[in-house]
Amino acid sequence: MTDVYGLIGYPLTHSFSAGYFSEKFSAGYIHAVYHNFPLENISQFPDLLQQQPHLKGLNVTIPHKQAIIPYLDQLSEEATKIGAVNCISFSEGKLTGHNTDVTGFRESLRPLLRTGHQKALILGTGGASLAVAYALDQLGIAYLKVSRQPSSTTIGYGNISPEIVAAHTVIINTTPLGTYPSIDSFPDFPYSLLGPQHLLYDLVYNPAETAFLTFGKRQGAMTKNGLEMLHLQAEAAWQIWQQYAF
């Protein structure tokens, strides 16, 4: 019997995870495979479980990090607090949701922080933004969320004033804008207000430098893409799966 692991999301035009975990299996002489499972709608998830009876673990990506929760038996403490899941473990007939995005983001951001990085702007309000907000809380960084649809807890992009940009020196893009192949897209941000005191972090890792990061660099800002976060969250998922499987 071959254990099956995989990634659910939509679209899955490319996958870092498949190669990463396949190498892990090979290096550890583990009899397992990793597949991409593009699910346009999360309602297809029960069918996937029936079609793949040997599933032992899943990664979850856009747009299902929140929608997957009702289909799970339980959540880790961290996933419960965050309200989003990017990793699922299968054990004793139960599906448990975890969030390793928070570890990946927190540990890749921490070395970049300077004394003046006390407040952050989080661009986007999807599942990834929830993990980012949780990590910022852990790091003691206050934040303000920015959305295309302002609410009682977010501001709109049109409301980003010079005063807000001056006070919030960490800017984090949690939207998929700029992801290959739509490399010409970017958040509607007043980039001319940025300076060397700012740190721009983009969760997107393909391309390595998005338009968002390019605009920040032109203003002298420090920049970081999401590749290290991706590696760190994958390693955290691997550690979780090892507890239950191999």
Protein backbone atom coordinates (compact mmCIF):
# COMPACT_ATOMS: atom_id res chain seq x y z
CA MET A 1 0.00 0.00 0.00
CA THR A 2 1.32 3.43 -0.97
CA ASP A 3 0.46 6.36 1.28
CA VAL A 4 -0.83 9.44 -0.54
CA TYR A 5 -0.18 13.07 0.30
CA GLY A 6 -1.18 16.10 -1.71
CA LEU A 7 -2.20 19.70 -2.19
CA ILE A 8 -5.75 21.01 -2.58
CA GLY A 9 -6.58 24.44 -3.98
CA TYR A 10 -7.54 26.11 -7.24
CA PRO A 11 -6.00 26.79 -9.62
CA LEU A 12 -2.83 24.75 -9.12
CA THR A 13 -0.81 25.98 -12.07
CA HIS A 14 2.47 25.05 -10.40
CA SER A 15 3.43 23.38 -7.16
CA PHE A 16 6.51 23.75 -5.04
CA SER A 17 5.05 21.18 -2.65
CA ALA A 18 5.04 18.19 -5.01
CA GLY A 19 8.78 18.34 -5.63
CA TYR A 20 9.63 19.23 -2.04
CA PHE A 21 7.77 16.35 -0.42
CA SER A 22 8.67 13.84 -3.13
CA GLU A 23 12.34 14.51 -2.32
CA LYS A 24 11.57 14.02 1.38
CA PHE A 25 9.97 10.64 0.68
CA SER A 26 12.87 9.55 -1.50
CA ALA A 27 15.55 10.64 0.97
CA GLY A 28 13.82 8.85 3.83
CA TYR A 29 13.05 5.68 1.83
CA ILE A 30 9.36 6.33 2.51
CA HIS A 31 6.81 4.52 0.35
CA ALA A 32 4.56 7.49 -0.42
CA VAL A 33 3.53 9.78 -3.27
CA TYR A 34 2.46 13.43 -3.46
CA HIS A 35 -0.15 14.70 -5.93
CA ASN A 36 -1.86 17.97 -6.76
CA PHE A 37 -5.65 17.82 -6.36
CA PRO A 38 -7.19 20.91 -7.98
CA LEU A 39 -10.61 21.46 -6.38
CA GLU A 40 -12.48 24.35 -7.93
CA ASN A 41 -15.10 24.11 -5.19
CA ILE A 42 -14.53 22.86 -1.66
CA SER A 43 -17.76 20.83 -1.94
CA GLN A 44 -15.66 18.40 -4.02
CA PHE A 45 -13.59 17.52 -0.95
CA PRO A 46 -15.72 14.55 0.24
CA ASP A 47 -15.46 13.02 -3.23
CA LEU A 48 -11.68 13.34 -3.07
CA LEU A 49 -11.63 11.46 0.23
CA GLN A 50 -13.62 8.64 -1.32
CA GLN A 51 -11.43 8.51 -4.43
CA GLN A 52 -8.19 8.55 -2.40
CA PRO A 53 -8.66 6.13 0.52
CA HIS A 54 -4.92 6.07 1.29
CA LEU A 55 -4.60 9.81 1.99
CA LYS A 56 -2.38 10.54 4.99
CA GLY A 57 -1.88 14.28 4.73
CA LEU A 58 -2.85 17.34 2.72
CA ASN A 59 -1.64 20.87 2.21
CA VAL A 60 -4.32 23.49 1.62
CA THR A 61 -3.90 26.63 -0.45
CA ILE A 62 -5.99 29.41 -2.00
CA PRO A 63 -8.98 29.63 -1.90
CA HIS A 64 -9.83 26.88 0.60
CA LYS A 65 -7.95 27.75 3.80
CA GLN A 66 -11.12 28.83 5.58
CA ALA A 67 -13.73 26.89 3.60
CA ILE A 68 -12.10 23.55 4.47
CA ILE A 69 -12.78 23.89 8.21
CA PRO A 70 -16.36 22.51 8.29
CA TYR A 71 -15.10 19.33 6.60
CA LEU A 72 -12.57 18.55 9.35
CA ASP A 73 -13.08 16.65 12.60
CA GLN A 74 -10.92 18.90 14.74
CA LEU A 75 -8.43 21.76 14.68
CA SER A 76 -5.16 22.36 16.42
CA GLU A 77 -5.19 25.12 19.03
CA GLU A 78 -3.35 27.47 16.69
CA ALA A 79 -5.63 26.78 13.72
CA THR A 80 -8.65 27.38 15.95
CA LYS A 81 -7.33 30.78 17.03
CA ILE A 82 -6.29 31.76 13.50
CA GLY A 83 -9.45 30.54 11.78
CA ALA A 84 -7.60 29.13 8.77
CA VAL A 85 -5.98 25.80 7.85
CA ASN A 86 -3.15 25.04 5.44
CA CYS A 87 -2.23 21.52 6.59
CA ILE A 88 -4.35 18.45 7.35
CA SER A 89 -3.20 15.32 9.16
CA PHE A 90 -5.06 12.00 8.94
CA SER A 91 -4.94 9.79 12.02
CA GLU A 92 -7.23 7.15 13.50
CA GLY A 93 -10.01 8.09 11.12
CA LYS A 94 -9.93 11.77 12.07
CA LEU A 95 -8.92 14.77 10.01
CA THR A 96 -7.13 17.47 11.98
CA GLY A 97 -6.51 20.95 10.61
CA HIS A 98 -3.28 22.79 11.40
CA ASN A 99 -1.79 26.13 10.42
CA THR A 100 1.91 26.14 9.56
CA ASP A 101 1.72 29.43 7.63
CA VAL A 102 2.05 31.26 10.93
CA THR A 103 5.35 29.54 11.71
CA GLY A 104 6.70 30.11 8.22
CA PHE A 105 5.81 33.79 8.15
CA ARG A 106 6.87 34.59 11.72
CA GLU A 107 10.28 32.94 11.46
CA SER A 108 11.09 34.42 8.05
CA LEU A 109 10.05 37.93 9.13
CA ARG A 110 11.71 37.97 12.55
CA PRO A 111 15.36 38.42 11.36
CA LEU A 112 14.38 41.43 9.23
CA LEU A 113 12.73 43.47 11.97
CA ARG A 114 14.34 46.70 13.12
CA THR A 115 13.59 49.07 15.98
CA GLY A 116 11.26 51.20 13.87
CA HIS A 117 9.12 48.28 12.73
CA GLN A 118 6.36 48.67 15.30
CA LYS A 119 3.27 48.75 13.08
CA ALA A 120 2.22 46.88 9.93
CA LEU A 121 -0.27 47.10 7.11
CA ILE A 122 -1.73 43.77 5.98
CA LEU A 123 -2.93 43.95 2.38
CA GLY A 124 -5.75 41.44 1.85
CA THR A 125 -8.20 39.65 4.12
CA GLY A 126 -8.05 36.01 2.94
CA GLY A 127 -6.93 32.93 4.84
CA ALA A 128 -3.23 33.80 4.61
CA SER A 129 -3.87 37.21 6.18
CA LEU A 130 -5.26 35.52 9.29
CA ALA A 131 -2.00 33.64 9.88
CA VAL A 132 -0.01 36.83 9.23
CA ALA A 133 -2.10 38.75 11.77
CA TYR A 134 -1.62 35.99 14.35
CA ALA A 135 2.14 36.00 13.80
CA LEU A 136 2.30 39.79 14.14
CA ASP A 137 0.46 39.50 17.45
CA GLN A 138 3.09 37.01 18.59
CA LEU A 139 5.85 39.41 17.54
CA GLY A 140 4.23 42.37 19.31
CA ILE A 141 3.59 44.31 16.08
CA ALA A 142 0.31 46.22 15.81
CA TYR A 143 -1.42 45.99 12.44
CA LEU A 144 -4.12 47.47 10.25
CA LYS A 145 -5.84 45.44 7.53
CA VAL A 146 -6.49 46.85 4.05
CA SER A 147 -9.23 45.47 1.81
CA ARG A 148 -10.94 46.27 -1.47
CA GLN A 149 -14.16 46.20 0.56
CA PRO A 150 -13.69 48.33 3.70
CA SER A 151 -15.47 47.25 6.87
CA SER A 152 -15.51 48.00 10.58
CA THR A 153 -12.19 46.17 10.91
CA THR A 154 -10.45 47.17 7.65
CA ILE A 155 -9.71 50.27 5.63
CA GLY A 156 -9.95 50.61 1.85
CA TYR A 157 -6.94 51.13 -0.39
CA GLY A 158 -8.20 54.64 -1.13
CA ASN A 159 -7.95 55.48 2.56
CA ILE A 160 -4.22 54.79 2.86
CA SER A 161 -2.98 58.27 3.80
CA PRO A 162 0.60 59.58 4.03
CA GLU A 163 0.21 59.51 7.82
CA ILE A 164 -0.78 55.83 7.78
CA VAL A 165 2.17 54.88 5.56
CA ALA A 166 4.57 56.85 7.74
CA ALA A 167 3.37 55.11 10.90
CA HIS A 168 3.13 51.59 9.44
CA THR A 169 6.62 50.69 8.30
CA VAL A 170 5.99 46.99 7.58
CA ILE A 171 3.78 46.35 4.52
CA ILE A 172 2.69 42.76 3.86
CA ASN A 173 0.96 41.60 0.68
CA THR A 174 -1.18 38.55 1.45
CA THR A 175 -3.14 38.74 -1.82
CA PRO A 176 -2.28 36.62 -4.89
CA LEU A 177 -1.72 39.77 -6.97
CA GLY A 178 1.52 39.52 -8.93
CA THR A 179 1.63 35.72 -8.97
CA TYR A 180 2.82 34.14 -12.23
CA PRO A 181 1.48 34.38 -14.89
CA SER A 182 -0.27 37.64 -13.84
CA ILE A 183 3.05 39.30 -13.08
CA ASP A 184 1.85 42.78 -14.05
CA SER A 185 -0.76 42.92 -11.29
CA PHE A 186 -0.09 44.51 -7.90
CA PRO A 187 -1.93 45.98 -4.91
CA ASP A 188 -3.27 49.52 -5.38
CA PHE A 189 -0.86 51.07 -2.88
CA PRO A 190 0.68 54.60 -2.78
CA TYR A 191 4.22 53.37 -3.40
CA SER A 192 5.64 56.89 -3.75
CA LEU A 193 5.15 57.33 0.01
CA LEU A 194 7.58 54.51 0.83
CA GLY A 195 11.17 55.03 1.94
CA PRO A 196 14.24 53.23 3.34
CA GLN A 197 12.51 52.87 6.71
CA HIS A 198 9.92 50.50 5.21
CA LEU A 199 9.96 46.73 4.90
CA LEU A 200 7.83 45.16 2.14
CA TYR A 201 7.02 41.47 2.48
CA ASP A 202 5.20 39.61 -0.29
CA LEU A 203 3.78 36.14 0.38
CA VAL A 204 4.03 35.53 -3.38
CA TYR A 205 7.23 33.69 -4.34
CA ASN A 206 6.76 33.19 -8.09
CA PRO A 207 8.13 35.41 -9.61
CA ALA A 208 10.94 36.00 -7.13
CA GLU A 209 10.43 39.75 -7.42
CA THR A 210 6.84 40.88 -7.91
CA ALA A 211 5.82 44.33 -9.10
CA PHE A 212 4.90 45.07 -5.45
CA LEU A 213 8.49 44.42 -4.37
CA THR A 214 9.99 46.20 -7.38
CA PHE A 215 8.05 49.39 -6.56
CA GLY A 216 9.25 49.16 -2.96
CA LYS A 217 12.89 48.69 -3.99
CA ARG A 218 12.71 51.79 -6.17
CA GLN A 219 11.82 53.79 -3.06
CA GLY A 220 14.73 52.29 -1.09
CA ALA A 221 12.60 49.92 0.99
CA MET A 222 13.84 46.55 2.25
CA THR A 223 12.01 43.69 0.47
CA LYS A 224 11.38 39.98 1.02
CA ASN A 225 9.41 37.43 -1.01
CA GLY A 226 7.53 34.41 0.29
CA LEU A 227 9.95 31.64 -0.71
CA GLU A 228 11.53 31.18 2.71
CA MET A 229 8.09 31.23 4.33
CA LEU A 230 7.03 28.51 1.90
CA HIS A 231 9.98 26.30 2.87
CA LEU A 232 9.44 26.87 6.59
CA GLN A 233 5.72 26.14 6.51
CA ALA A 234 6.36 22.99 4.44
CA GLU A 235 8.94 21.78 6.93
CA ALA A 236 6.47 22.40 9.77
CA ALA A 237 3.83 20.36 7.88
CA TRP A 238 6.39 17.57 7.42
CA GLN A 239 7.02 17.50 11.18
CA ILE A 240 3.27 17.25 11.85
CA TRP A 241 2.82 14.38 9.39
CA GLN A 242 5.77 12.52 10.88
CA GLN A 243 4.02 12.47 14.26
CA TYR A 244 1.14 10.48 12.76
CA ALA A 245 2.49 8.43 9.91
CA PHE A 246 5.92 7.14 9.10
